[in-house]
């Protein structure tokens, strides 16, 4: 079993990944600014309060880790729509540098459908709404993906479609061929299931799978 550092672990996909990794038998180090929100207790769970932008914090959290799952998010609202952000790229640049220095090789990075070469592939209405509401966030996610792709790490970039709070179904699809990419819905629990499988699975290394129902 691996020791897994999960960054962005207090909510959403990150929190579901904590649960899934523990269920799979891994040891989990859960890093989040609001680590106290992680209302889980488990002998293999270590909660760490810290900022994903804090390089010293990230380096400390990497000590003894075998794998990193990065699932970052920003608060929804007008600021996300109107203001540019560099949160994703800055946090990822620091993480990649720290991982390379610590020789922690495997990074499982969550971005989203519409990032990188997935932009514009969700149909007209999705693309219009996407650019109006999340264009600035995804501009930075494009940079984030380039940082990961250009690293020396064993990486997987995971692009889930629209997220729900539904249960794990194990019925999701993993799409690698761009010709099959389409928008849809997937539960955060199903995304977490896929992320945890990548801890030991090499099938999607250096690929950018889209996850959908």
N, C-alpha and C. Protein backbone atom coordinates (compact mmCIF):
# COMPACT_ATOMS: atom_id res chain seq x y z
N UNK A 1 0.83 -1.20 0.00
CA UNK A 1 0.00 0.00 0.00
C UNK A 1 0.87 1.26 0.00
N UNK A 2 0.34 2.33 -0.56
CA UNK A 2 1.10 3.57 -0.73
C UNK A 2 0.75 4.58 0.36
N UNK A 3 1.65 5.54 0.52
CA UNK A 3 1.36 6.73 1.30
C UNK A 3 1.00 7.83 0.31
N UNK A 4 -0.22 8.33 0.40
CA UNK A 4 -0.76 9.24 -0.60
C UNK A 4 -0.97 10.62 0.02
N UNK A 5 -0.37 11.63 -0.59
CA UNK A 5 -0.63 13.01 -0.22
C UNK A 5 -1.76 13.52 -1.09
N UNK A 6 -2.84 13.98 -0.46
CA UNK A 6 -3.98 14.53 -1.19
C UNK A 6 -4.06 16.02 -0.88
N UNK A 7 -3.89 16.84 -1.91
CA UNK A 7 -3.90 18.29 -1.76
C UNK A 7 -5.26 18.83 -2.20
N UNK A 8 -5.89 19.58 -1.31
CA UNK A 8 -7.26 20.02 -1.55
C UNK A 8 -8.24 19.00 -1.00
N UNK A 9 -7.96 18.54 0.23
CA UNK A 9 -8.61 17.34 0.76
C UNK A 9 -9.84 17.60 1.61
N UNK A 10 -10.22 18.85 1.81
CA UNK A 10 -11.27 19.13 2.79
C UNK A 10 -12.68 19.10 2.21
N UNK A 11 -12.80 19.04 0.88
CA UNK A 11 -14.14 19.05 0.30
C UNK A 11 -14.09 18.50 -1.12
N UNK A 12 -15.27 18.30 -1.69
CA UNK A 12 -15.38 17.92 -3.09
C UNK A 12 -14.65 16.65 -3.45
N UNK A 13 -14.03 16.65 -4.61
CA UNK A 13 -13.31 15.48 -5.09
C UNK A 13 -12.20 15.10 -4.13
N UNK A 14 -11.50 16.09 -3.58
CA UNK A 14 -10.40 15.79 -2.67
C UNK A 14 -10.85 15.00 -1.46
N UNK A 15 -11.96 15.40 -0.85
CA UNK A 15 -12.48 14.68 0.31
C UNK A 15 -12.94 13.28 -0.07
N UNK A 16 -13.58 13.16 -1.21
CA UNK A 16 -13.99 11.83 -1.68
C UNK A 16 -12.77 10.95 -1.95
N UNK A 17 -11.68 11.55 -2.43
CA UNK A 17 -10.46 10.78 -2.67
C UNK A 17 -9.85 10.30 -1.36
N UNK A 18 -9.93 11.12 -0.32
CA UNK A 18 -9.47 10.68 1.01
C UNK A 18 -10.22 9.42 1.42
N UNK A 19 -11.53 9.46 1.31
CA UNK A 19 -12.35 8.31 1.70
C UNK A 19 -12.02 7.08 0.87
N UNK A 20 -11.89 7.27 -0.45
CA UNK A 20 -11.64 6.14 -1.34
C UNK A 20 -10.26 5.54 -1.11
N UNK A 21 -9.26 6.39 -0.87
CA UNK A 21 -7.91 5.88 -0.64
C UNK A 21 -7.83 5.10 0.66
N UNK A 22 -8.48 5.59 1.69
CA UNK A 22 -8.51 4.86 2.96
C UNK A 22 -9.22 3.53 2.80
N UNK A 23 -10.32 3.54 2.06
CA UNK A 23 -11.07 2.30 1.83
C UNK A 23 -10.23 1.28 1.07
N UNK A 24 -9.34 1.77 0.20
CA UNK A 24 -8.47 0.88 -0.57
C UNK A 24 -7.27 0.39 0.23
N UNK A 25 -7.09 0.91 1.44
CA UNK A 25 -6.02 0.44 2.31
C UNK A 25 -4.78 1.29 2.32
N UNK A 26 -4.80 2.43 1.63
CA UNK A 26 -3.63 3.30 1.59
C UNK A 26 -3.55 4.16 2.85
N UNK A 27 -2.36 4.65 3.14
CA UNK A 27 -2.18 5.67 4.16
C UNK A 27 -2.35 7.03 3.49
N UNK A 28 -3.06 7.94 4.15
CA UNK A 28 -3.42 9.21 3.52
C UNK A 28 -2.94 10.37 4.38
N UNK A 29 -2.28 11.31 3.72
CA UNK A 29 -1.94 12.60 4.32
C UNK A 29 -2.81 13.64 3.62
N UNK A 30 -3.73 14.23 4.35
CA UNK A 30 -4.72 15.13 3.77
C UNK A 30 -4.34 16.57 4.05
N UNK A 31 -3.95 17.30 3.01
CA UNK A 31 -3.52 18.69 3.15
C UNK A 31 -4.62 19.63 2.66
N UNK A 32 -4.99 20.57 3.53
CA UNK A 32 -6.00 21.56 3.17
C UNK A 32 -5.89 22.73 4.12
N UNK A 33 -6.27 23.91 3.63
CA UNK A 33 -6.29 25.07 4.52
C UNK A 33 -7.27 24.85 5.67
N UNK A 34 -8.35 24.17 5.38
CA UNK A 34 -9.37 23.92 6.41
C UNK A 34 -9.40 22.43 6.74
N UNK A 35 -8.26 21.91 7.16
CA UNK A 35 -8.17 20.48 7.47
C UNK A 35 -9.14 20.09 8.58
N UNK A 36 -9.50 21.03 9.43
CA UNK A 36 -10.43 20.72 10.52
C UNK A 36 -11.81 20.34 9.99
N UNK A 37 -12.10 20.70 8.75
CA UNK A 37 -13.40 20.34 8.16
C UNK A 37 -13.47 18.86 7.79
N UNK A 38 -12.34 18.19 7.77
CA UNK A 38 -12.32 16.77 7.41
C UNK A 38 -12.82 15.98 8.61
N UNK A 39 -14.08 15.66 8.60
CA UNK A 39 -14.70 15.00 9.75
C UNK A 39 -14.59 13.49 9.61
N UNK A 40 -13.37 13.04 9.50
CA UNK A 40 -13.06 11.62 9.41
C UNK A 40 -11.99 11.29 10.43
N UNK A 41 -12.08 10.12 11.00
CA UNK A 41 -11.03 9.62 11.88
C UNK A 41 -10.68 8.22 11.43
N UNK A 42 -9.38 8.01 11.22
CA UNK A 42 -8.92 6.71 10.73
C UNK A 42 -7.46 6.56 11.13
N UNK A 43 -7.04 5.38 11.53
CA UNK A 43 -5.63 5.21 11.94
C UNK A 43 -4.63 5.48 10.82
N UNK A 44 -5.07 5.43 9.57
CA UNK A 44 -4.16 5.69 8.45
C UNK A 44 -4.33 7.09 7.87
N UNK A 45 -5.05 7.95 8.57
CA UNK A 45 -5.28 9.31 8.08
C UNK A 45 -4.54 10.32 8.94
N UNK A 46 -3.74 11.16 8.26
CA UNK A 46 -3.06 12.28 8.91
C UNK A 46 -3.58 13.57 8.28
N UNK A 47 -4.13 14.45 9.08
CA UNK A 47 -4.64 15.72 8.59
C UNK A 47 -3.59 16.80 8.78
N UNK A 48 -3.36 17.58 7.73
CA UNK A 48 -2.38 18.66 7.78
C UNK A 48 -3.03 19.96 7.32
N UNK A 49 -2.98 20.97 8.16
CA UNK A 49 -3.49 22.29 7.78
C UNK A 49 -2.38 23.05 7.07
N UNK A 50 -2.69 23.57 5.89
CA UNK A 50 -1.68 24.32 5.15
C UNK A 50 -2.20 24.75 3.80
N UNK A 51 -1.51 25.70 3.22
CA UNK A 51 -1.90 26.31 1.95
C UNK A 51 -1.16 25.62 0.82
N UNK A 52 -1.88 25.29 -0.25
CA UNK A 52 -1.26 24.67 -1.42
C UNK A 52 -0.23 25.58 -2.07
N UNK A 53 -0.28 26.88 -1.79
CA UNK A 53 0.70 27.82 -2.34
C UNK A 53 1.95 27.92 -1.48
N UNK A 54 1.93 27.34 -0.30
CA UNK A 54 3.07 27.43 0.60
C UNK A 54 4.10 26.36 0.29
N UNK A 55 5.20 26.74 -0.32
CA UNK A 55 6.19 25.76 -0.77
C UNK A 55 6.78 24.98 0.40
N UNK A 56 7.06 25.65 1.51
CA UNK A 56 7.60 24.95 2.67
C UNK A 56 6.60 23.93 3.20
N UNK A 57 5.33 24.30 3.21
CA UNK A 57 4.28 23.38 3.66
C UNK A 57 4.20 22.16 2.76
N UNK A 58 4.23 22.40 1.46
CA UNK A 58 4.14 21.30 0.50
C UNK A 58 5.35 20.38 0.62
N UNK A 59 6.53 20.95 0.75
CA UNK A 59 7.73 20.13 0.90
C UNK A 59 7.64 19.26 2.14
N UNK A 60 7.16 19.82 3.24
CA UNK A 60 7.00 19.05 4.47
C UNK A 60 5.98 17.93 4.28
N UNK A 61 4.89 18.24 3.61
CA UNK A 61 3.84 17.24 3.40
C UNK A 61 4.30 16.10 2.51
N UNK A 62 5.26 16.35 1.64
CA UNK A 62 5.77 15.33 0.73
C UNK A 62 6.67 14.31 1.41
N UNK A 63 7.13 14.60 2.60
CA UNK A 63 8.06 13.70 3.28
C UNK A 63 7.43 12.32 3.46
N UNK A 64 8.04 11.32 2.86
CA UNK A 64 7.55 9.95 2.98
C UNK A 64 6.41 9.59 2.06
N UNK A 65 5.96 10.53 1.23
CA UNK A 65 4.84 10.24 0.32
C UNK A 65 5.33 9.47 -0.90
N UNK A 66 4.46 8.62 -1.43
CA UNK A 66 4.75 7.87 -2.65
C UNK A 66 4.04 8.46 -3.86
N UNK A 67 2.88 9.04 -3.64
CA UNK A 67 2.00 9.52 -4.71
C UNK A 67 1.33 10.80 -4.24
N UNK A 68 1.03 11.69 -5.19
CA UNK A 68 0.28 12.91 -4.87
C UNK A 68 -0.98 12.96 -5.74
N UNK A 69 -2.10 13.21 -5.09
CA UNK A 69 -3.34 13.56 -5.79
C UNK A 69 -3.61 15.03 -5.52
N UNK A 70 -3.67 15.81 -6.60
CA UNK A 70 -3.91 17.25 -6.47
C UNK A 70 -5.31 17.56 -7.00
N UNK A 71 -6.16 18.07 -6.13
CA UNK A 71 -7.53 18.44 -6.52
C UNK A 71 -7.84 19.81 -5.96
N UNK A 72 -7.49 20.83 -6.72
CA UNK A 72 -7.63 22.21 -6.26
C UNK A 72 -8.96 22.80 -6.71
N UNK A 73 -9.45 23.76 -5.94
CA UNK A 73 -10.67 24.46 -6.31
C UNK A 73 -10.63 25.88 -5.82
N UNK A 74 -11.48 26.71 -6.40
CA UNK A 74 -11.65 28.08 -5.93
C UNK A 74 -13.12 28.30 -5.64
N UNK A 75 -13.40 29.24 -4.76
CA UNK A 75 -14.79 29.53 -4.40
C UNK A 75 -15.55 30.07 -5.61
N UNK A 76 -16.76 29.58 -5.79
CA UNK A 76 -17.60 30.08 -6.87
C UNK A 76 -18.09 31.49 -6.54
N UNK A 77 -18.31 32.28 -7.57
CA UNK A 77 -18.81 33.63 -7.35
C UNK A 77 -18.31 34.58 -8.41
N UNK A 78 -18.63 35.86 -8.23
CA UNK A 78 -18.27 36.87 -9.22
C UNK A 78 -16.78 36.98 -9.40
N UNK A 79 -16.01 36.80 -8.33
CA UNK A 79 -14.56 36.94 -8.45
C UNK A 79 -13.99 35.92 -9.42
N UNK A 80 -14.52 34.68 -9.35
CA UNK A 80 -14.04 33.64 -10.26
C UNK A 80 -14.40 33.96 -11.70
N UNK A 81 -15.51 34.68 -11.90
CA UNK A 81 -15.95 35.01 -13.25
C UNK A 81 -15.19 36.22 -13.80
N UNK A 82 -14.97 37.22 -12.96
CA UNK A 82 -14.48 38.51 -13.44
C UNK A 82 -12.97 38.68 -13.35
N UNK A 83 -12.34 38.03 -12.39
CA UNK A 83 -10.92 38.29 -12.16
C UNK A 83 -10.04 37.14 -12.63
N UNK A 84 -8.93 37.45 -13.29
CA UNK A 84 -7.98 36.40 -13.64
C UNK A 84 -7.42 35.75 -12.37
N UNK A 85 -7.01 34.50 -12.50
CA UNK A 85 -6.39 33.81 -11.38
C UNK A 85 -5.12 33.11 -11.84
N UNK A 86 -4.18 32.99 -10.94
CA UNK A 86 -2.99 32.19 -11.19
C UNK A 86 -2.83 31.14 -10.09
N UNK A 87 -3.90 30.90 -9.35
CA UNK A 87 -3.84 29.98 -8.22
C UNK A 87 -3.43 28.57 -8.66
N UNK A 88 -4.07 28.05 -9.69
CA UNK A 88 -3.81 26.68 -10.11
C UNK A 88 -2.38 26.53 -10.64
N UNK A 89 -1.97 27.45 -11.49
CA UNK A 89 -0.62 27.34 -12.07
C UNK A 89 0.45 27.56 -11.02
N UNK A 90 0.25 28.52 -10.13
CA UNK A 90 1.26 28.80 -9.11
C UNK A 90 1.40 27.62 -8.15
N UNK A 91 0.28 27.08 -7.69
CA UNK A 91 0.33 25.94 -6.77
C UNK A 91 0.96 24.73 -7.44
N UNK A 92 0.65 24.52 -8.71
CA UNK A 92 1.17 23.35 -9.42
C UNK A 92 2.65 23.50 -9.73
N UNK A 93 3.07 24.69 -10.08
CA UNK A 93 4.50 24.91 -10.33
C UNK A 93 5.32 24.61 -9.08
N UNK A 94 4.86 25.08 -7.93
CA UNK A 94 5.55 24.80 -6.68
C UNK A 94 5.53 23.32 -6.34
N UNK A 95 4.39 22.67 -6.55
CA UNK A 95 4.28 21.25 -6.26
C UNK A 95 5.21 20.42 -7.13
N UNK A 96 5.23 20.69 -8.43
CA UNK A 96 6.09 19.94 -9.35
C UNK A 96 7.55 20.09 -8.95
N UNK A 97 7.96 21.31 -8.65
CA UNK A 97 9.34 21.54 -8.23
C UNK A 97 9.66 20.75 -6.97
N UNK A 98 8.76 20.79 -6.00
CA UNK A 98 8.99 20.08 -4.74
C UNK A 98 9.00 18.57 -4.94
N UNK A 99 8.13 18.06 -5.80
CA UNK A 99 8.11 16.62 -6.06
C UNK A 99 9.38 16.17 -6.76
N UNK A 100 9.85 16.95 -7.72
CA UNK A 100 11.08 16.57 -8.41
C UNK A 100 12.26 16.58 -7.45
N UNK A 101 12.31 17.56 -6.57
CA UNK A 101 13.40 17.62 -5.59
C UNK A 101 13.33 16.45 -4.61
N UNK A 102 12.12 16.08 -4.21
CA UNK A 102 11.94 15.00 -3.23
C UNK A 102 11.93 13.62 -3.88
N UNK A 103 11.97 13.58 -5.20
CA UNK A 103 11.93 12.34 -5.97
C UNK A 103 10.65 11.54 -5.70
N UNK A 104 9.56 12.27 -5.53
CA UNK A 104 8.24 11.66 -5.51
C UNK A 104 7.72 11.73 -6.94
N UNK A 105 7.55 10.59 -7.57
CA UNK A 105 7.41 10.57 -9.02
C UNK A 105 5.97 10.71 -9.54
N UNK A 106 5.00 10.18 -8.81
CA UNK A 106 3.67 10.07 -9.42
C UNK A 106 2.74 11.19 -8.97
N UNK A 107 2.18 11.91 -9.96
CA UNK A 107 1.23 12.99 -9.73
C UNK A 107 -0.06 12.70 -10.48
N UNK A 108 -1.16 12.68 -9.75
CA UNK A 108 -2.49 12.54 -10.33
C UNK A 108 -3.18 13.89 -10.15
N UNK A 109 -3.34 14.60 -11.23
CA UNK A 109 -3.77 16.01 -11.19
C UNK A 109 -5.16 16.15 -11.79
N UNK A 110 -6.08 16.73 -11.03
CA UNK A 110 -7.45 16.96 -11.52
C UNK A 110 -7.54 18.38 -12.08
N UNK A 111 -7.97 18.49 -13.33
CA UNK A 111 -8.26 19.82 -13.90
C UNK A 111 -9.76 19.87 -14.20
N UNK A 112 -10.16 19.59 -15.42
CA UNK A 112 -11.58 19.59 -15.74
C UNK A 112 -11.80 19.52 -17.24
N UNK A 113 -12.96 19.04 -17.63
CA UNK A 113 -13.31 19.00 -19.04
C UNK A 113 -13.41 20.42 -19.57
N UNK A 114 -12.67 20.69 -20.62
CA UNK A 114 -12.58 22.04 -21.16
C UNK A 114 -11.21 22.64 -21.01
N UNK A 115 -10.36 21.99 -20.21
CA UNK A 115 -8.98 22.45 -20.08
C UNK A 115 -8.14 21.88 -21.21
N UNK A 116 -7.05 22.57 -21.52
CA UNK A 116 -6.12 22.08 -22.53
C UNK A 116 -6.80 21.87 -23.87
N UNK A 117 -6.51 20.73 -24.51
CA UNK A 117 -7.08 20.46 -25.82
C UNK A 117 -8.53 19.98 -25.74
N UNK A 118 -9.11 20.00 -24.53
CA UNK A 118 -10.53 19.68 -24.40
C UNK A 118 -11.43 20.89 -24.59
N UNK A 119 -10.83 22.06 -24.71
CA UNK A 119 -11.63 23.29 -24.83
C UNK A 119 -12.43 23.28 -26.13
N UNK A 120 -13.71 23.65 -26.00
CA UNK A 120 -14.57 23.76 -27.17
C UNK A 120 -15.16 22.45 -27.66
N UNK A 121 -14.99 21.37 -26.89
CA UNK A 121 -15.47 20.07 -27.36
C UNK A 121 -16.78 19.63 -26.71
N UNK A 122 -17.42 20.51 -25.95
CA UNK A 122 -18.63 20.12 -25.25
C UNK A 122 -19.92 20.54 -25.92
N UNK A 123 -19.84 21.00 -27.15
CA UNK A 123 -21.04 21.49 -27.82
C UNK A 123 -21.16 23.00 -27.67
N UNK A 124 -21.99 23.60 -28.52
CA UNK A 124 -22.07 25.06 -28.60
C UNK A 124 -22.52 25.69 -27.29
N UNK A 125 -23.65 25.22 -26.74
CA UNK A 125 -24.18 25.84 -25.52
C UNK A 125 -23.21 25.69 -24.36
N UNK A 126 -22.63 24.50 -24.23
CA UNK A 126 -21.66 24.29 -23.14
C UNK A 126 -20.47 25.22 -23.31
N UNK A 127 -19.98 25.33 -24.53
CA UNK A 127 -18.79 26.15 -24.76
C UNK A 127 -19.06 27.62 -24.46
N UNK A 128 -20.23 28.13 -24.87
CA UNK A 128 -20.57 29.53 -24.61
C UNK A 128 -20.68 29.78 -23.11
N UNK A 129 -21.45 28.94 -22.42
CA UNK A 129 -21.63 29.11 -20.98
C UNK A 129 -20.30 28.94 -20.25
N UNK A 130 -19.53 27.98 -20.69
CA UNK A 130 -18.24 27.69 -20.09
C UNK A 130 -17.33 28.92 -20.14
N UNK A 131 -17.20 29.52 -21.30
CA UNK A 131 -16.30 30.67 -21.44
C UNK A 131 -16.81 31.88 -20.67
N UNK A 132 -18.13 32.05 -20.61
CA UNK A 132 -18.67 33.19 -19.86
C UNK A 132 -18.44 33.04 -18.36
N UNK A 133 -18.62 31.84 -17.84
CA UNK A 133 -18.60 31.64 -16.39
C UNK A 133 -17.23 31.24 -15.86
N UNK A 134 -16.49 30.44 -16.62
CA UNK A 134 -15.26 29.85 -16.08
C UNK A 134 -14.05 30.06 -16.97
N UNK A 135 -14.19 30.93 -17.95
CA UNK A 135 -13.08 31.12 -18.89
C UNK A 135 -11.79 31.53 -18.22
N UNK A 136 -11.85 32.43 -17.24
CA UNK A 136 -10.63 32.91 -16.59
C UNK A 136 -10.00 31.81 -15.74
N UNK A 137 -10.82 31.05 -15.07
CA UNK A 137 -10.30 29.92 -14.29
C UNK A 137 -9.61 28.91 -15.20
N UNK A 138 -10.25 28.61 -16.32
CA UNK A 138 -9.69 27.61 -17.22
C UNK A 138 -8.50 28.12 -18.02
N UNK A 139 -8.37 29.41 -18.19
CA UNK A 139 -7.13 29.94 -18.75
C UNK A 139 -5.95 29.51 -17.89
N UNK A 140 -6.13 29.59 -16.57
CA UNK A 140 -5.05 29.20 -15.67
C UNK A 140 -4.91 27.69 -15.59
N UNK A 141 -6.00 26.96 -15.74
CA UNK A 141 -5.90 25.50 -15.76
C UNK A 141 -5.14 25.03 -17.00
N UNK A 142 -5.24 25.77 -18.10
CA UNK A 142 -4.43 25.45 -19.27
C UNK A 142 -2.95 25.54 -18.93
N UNK A 143 -2.57 26.59 -18.22
CA UNK A 143 -1.17 26.74 -17.80
C UNK A 143 -0.80 25.63 -16.83
N UNK A 144 -1.69 25.32 -15.91
CA UNK A 144 -1.46 24.23 -14.96
C UNK A 144 -1.15 22.92 -15.70
N UNK A 145 -1.94 22.61 -16.71
CA UNK A 145 -1.71 21.37 -17.45
C UNK A 145 -0.36 21.39 -18.16
N UNK A 146 0.02 22.52 -18.72
CA UNK A 146 1.32 22.59 -19.40
C UNK A 146 2.47 22.34 -18.42
N UNK A 147 2.34 22.87 -17.21
CA UNK A 147 3.38 22.66 -16.20
C UNK A 147 3.52 21.17 -15.90
N UNK A 148 2.40 20.49 -15.74
CA UNK A 148 2.44 19.05 -15.44
C UNK A 148 3.01 18.29 -16.62
N UNK A 149 2.55 18.59 -17.83
CA UNK A 149 3.02 17.89 -19.02
C UNK A 149 4.53 18.05 -19.22
N UNK A 150 5.06 19.22 -18.90
CA UNK A 150 6.48 19.49 -19.12
C UNK A 150 7.37 19.03 -17.98
N UNK A 151 6.78 18.42 -16.97
CA UNK A 151 7.56 17.97 -15.82
C UNK A 151 8.24 16.64 -16.10
N UNK A 152 9.07 16.22 -15.17
CA UNK A 152 9.74 14.92 -15.25
C UNK A 152 8.99 13.84 -14.48
N UNK A 153 7.77 14.14 -14.09
CA UNK A 153 7.00 13.24 -13.24
C UNK A 153 6.25 12.19 -14.06
N UNK A 154 5.81 11.15 -13.37
CA UNK A 154 4.87 10.19 -13.94
C UNK A 154 3.47 10.72 -13.64
N UNK A 155 2.87 11.40 -14.61
CA UNK A 155 1.65 12.14 -14.34
C UNK A 155 0.44 11.56 -15.07
N UNK A 156 -0.71 11.81 -14.48
CA UNK A 156 -2.00 11.62 -15.14
C UNK A 156 -2.79 12.90 -14.90
N UNK A 157 -3.31 13.49 -15.96
CA UNK A 157 -4.19 14.66 -15.84
C UNK A 157 -5.62 14.18 -16.05
N UNK A 158 -6.45 14.36 -15.05
CA UNK A 158 -7.81 13.83 -15.07
C UNK A 158 -8.79 14.98 -15.28
N UNK A 159 -9.67 14.81 -16.28
CA UNK A 159 -10.62 15.87 -16.65
C UNK A 159 -12.06 15.38 -16.48
N UNK A 160 -12.63 15.55 -15.30
CA UNK A 160 -14.04 15.18 -15.15
C UNK A 160 -14.96 16.21 -15.80
N UNK A 161 -16.13 15.74 -16.20
CA UNK A 161 -17.15 16.64 -16.75
C UNK A 161 -17.90 17.28 -15.58
N UNK A 162 -19.13 17.70 -15.78
CA UNK A 162 -19.89 18.39 -14.73
C UNK A 162 -20.11 17.47 -13.53
N UNK A 163 -19.89 18.00 -12.35
CA UNK A 163 -19.84 17.18 -11.14
C UNK A 163 -21.16 17.18 -10.38
N UNK A 164 -21.46 16.02 -9.77
CA UNK A 164 -22.62 15.90 -8.90
C UNK A 164 -22.17 15.33 -7.55
N UNK A 165 -23.07 15.37 -6.59
CA UNK A 165 -22.81 14.79 -5.27
C UNK A 165 -23.41 13.40 -5.13
N UNK A 166 -23.64 12.75 -6.25
CA UNK A 166 -24.23 11.41 -6.23
C UNK A 166 -23.28 10.36 -5.69
N UNK A 167 -23.77 9.13 -5.53
CA UNK A 167 -22.95 8.05 -4.98
C UNK A 167 -21.99 7.48 -6.02
N UNK A 168 -21.08 6.66 -5.56
CA UNK A 168 -20.20 5.94 -6.47
C UNK A 168 -21.02 4.90 -7.22
N UNK A 169 -20.88 4.87 -8.54
CA UNK A 169 -21.64 3.93 -9.36
C UNK A 169 -20.76 2.89 -10.04
N UNK A 170 -19.49 3.20 -10.23
CA UNK A 170 -18.57 2.36 -11.00
C UNK A 170 -19.03 2.20 -12.45
N UNK A 171 -19.94 3.05 -12.89
CA UNK A 171 -20.48 2.94 -14.24
C UNK A 171 -19.99 4.06 -15.14
N UNK A 172 -18.97 4.78 -14.72
CA UNK A 172 -18.47 5.90 -15.51
C UNK A 172 -17.60 5.42 -16.66
N UNK A 173 -17.41 6.32 -17.63
CA UNK A 173 -16.56 6.02 -18.78
C UNK A 173 -15.28 6.84 -18.71
N UNK A 174 -14.21 6.25 -19.20
CA UNK A 174 -12.90 6.90 -19.24
C UNK A 174 -12.54 7.07 -20.72
N UNK A 175 -12.52 8.32 -21.18
CA UNK A 175 -12.35 8.61 -22.61
C UNK A 175 -11.00 9.27 -22.85
N UNK A 176 -10.19 8.62 -23.67
CA UNK A 176 -8.87 9.15 -24.01
C UNK A 176 -8.85 9.73 -25.42
N UNK A 177 -9.58 9.12 -26.34
CA UNK A 177 -9.63 9.58 -27.72
C UNK A 177 -10.48 10.85 -27.81
N UNK A 178 -9.91 11.97 -28.26
CA UNK A 178 -10.68 13.22 -28.35
C UNK A 178 -11.94 13.11 -29.18
N UNK A 179 -11.98 12.18 -30.13
CA UNK A 179 -13.16 12.05 -30.97
C UNK A 179 -14.38 11.58 -30.17
N UNK A 180 -14.13 10.99 -29.02
CA UNK A 180 -15.24 10.51 -28.20
C UNK A 180 -15.60 11.43 -27.05
N UNK A 181 -14.87 12.54 -26.91
CA UNK A 181 -15.11 13.43 -25.78
C UNK A 181 -16.46 14.12 -25.91
N UNK A 182 -17.20 14.11 -24.83
CA UNK A 182 -18.50 14.78 -24.79
C UNK A 182 -18.81 15.18 -23.37
N UNK A 183 -19.58 16.23 -23.22
CA UNK A 183 -19.93 16.69 -21.88
C UNK A 183 -21.01 15.80 -21.28
N UNK A 184 -21.12 15.81 -19.98
CA UNK A 184 -22.11 15.02 -19.27
C UNK A 184 -21.98 15.29 -17.79
N UNK A 185 -22.35 14.31 -17.00
CA UNK A 185 -22.28 14.44 -15.55
C UNK A 185 -21.56 13.24 -14.96
N UNK A 186 -20.91 13.45 -13.82
CA UNK A 186 -20.27 12.36 -13.09
C UNK A 186 -20.22 12.75 -11.62
N UNK A 187 -20.37 11.78 -10.75
CA UNK A 187 -20.32 12.08 -9.32
C UNK A 187 -18.88 12.26 -8.87
N UNK A 188 -18.71 13.07 -7.86
CA UNK A 188 -17.38 13.25 -7.27
C UNK A 188 -16.84 11.93 -6.73
N UNK A 189 -17.73 11.09 -6.24
CA UNK A 189 -17.30 9.79 -5.71
C UNK A 189 -16.75 8.90 -6.82
N UNK A 190 -17.33 8.96 -8.02
CA UNK A 190 -16.80 8.18 -9.13
C UNK A 190 -15.45 8.74 -9.59
N UNK A 191 -15.31 10.06 -9.60
CA UNK A 191 -14.01 10.65 -9.94
C UNK A 191 -12.95 10.17 -8.95
N UNK A 192 -13.28 10.20 -7.67
CA UNK A 192 -12.34 9.76 -6.64
C UNK A 192 -11.96 8.30 -6.82
N UNK A 193 -12.92 7.48 -7.20
CA UNK A 193 -12.64 6.07 -7.45
C UNK A 193 -11.57 5.92 -8.53
N UNK A 194 -11.71 6.69 -9.61
CA UNK A 194 -10.71 6.63 -10.68
C UNK A 194 -9.35 7.14 -10.21
N UNK A 195 -9.34 8.23 -9.48
CA UNK A 195 -8.08 8.79 -9.00
C UNK A 195 -7.31 7.77 -8.17
N UNK A 196 -8.00 7.11 -7.27
CA UNK A 196 -7.33 6.17 -6.38
C UNK A 196 -6.81 4.96 -7.16
N UNK A 197 -7.52 4.55 -8.18
CA UNK A 197 -7.02 3.45 -9.01
C UNK A 197 -5.71 3.81 -9.69
N UNK A 198 -5.50 5.09 -9.98
CA UNK A 198 -4.26 5.52 -10.66
C UNK A 198 -3.04 5.48 -9.74
N UNK A 199 -3.25 5.26 -8.47
CA UNK A 199 -2.11 5.14 -7.54
C UNK A 199 -1.21 3.98 -7.95
N UNK A 200 -1.82 2.91 -8.46
CA UNK A 200 -1.04 1.71 -8.81
C UNK A 200 -1.17 1.34 -10.29
N UNK A 201 -2.10 1.95 -11.01
CA UNK A 201 -2.35 1.60 -12.40
C UNK A 201 -1.53 2.49 -13.33
N UNK A 202 -0.81 1.88 -14.27
CA UNK A 202 0.02 2.64 -15.20
C UNK A 202 -0.67 2.90 -16.54
N UNK A 203 -1.91 2.46 -16.71
CA UNK A 203 -2.54 2.50 -18.02
C UNK A 203 -2.72 3.91 -18.56
N UNK A 204 -2.84 4.90 -17.68
CA UNK A 204 -3.13 6.26 -18.14
C UNK A 204 -1.99 7.24 -17.87
N UNK A 205 -0.79 6.72 -17.62
CA UNK A 205 0.35 7.60 -17.42
C UNK A 205 0.58 8.45 -18.67
N UNK A 206 0.82 9.74 -18.46
CA UNK A 206 1.08 10.70 -19.52
C UNK A 206 -0.10 10.82 -20.49
N UNK A 207 -1.30 10.64 -19.93
CA UNK A 207 -2.53 10.81 -20.71
C UNK A 207 -3.46 11.76 -19.97
N UNK A 208 -4.51 12.20 -20.69
CA UNK A 208 -5.45 13.19 -20.13
C UNK A 208 -6.88 12.66 -20.25
N UNK A 209 -7.22 11.61 -19.52
CA UNK A 209 -8.55 11.01 -19.67
C UNK A 209 -9.67 11.94 -19.22
N UNK A 210 -10.76 11.91 -19.98
CA UNK A 210 -12.00 12.59 -19.61
C UNK A 210 -12.90 11.57 -18.93
N UNK A 211 -13.47 11.95 -17.80
CA UNK A 211 -14.38 11.06 -17.07
C UNK A 211 -15.80 11.56 -17.22
N UNK A 212 -16.70 10.66 -17.62
CA UNK A 212 -18.10 11.01 -17.78
C UNK A 212 -18.95 9.79 -17.50
N UNK A 213 -20.24 10.00 -17.32
CA UNK A 213 -21.14 8.89 -17.02
C UNK A 213 -21.49 8.12 -18.28
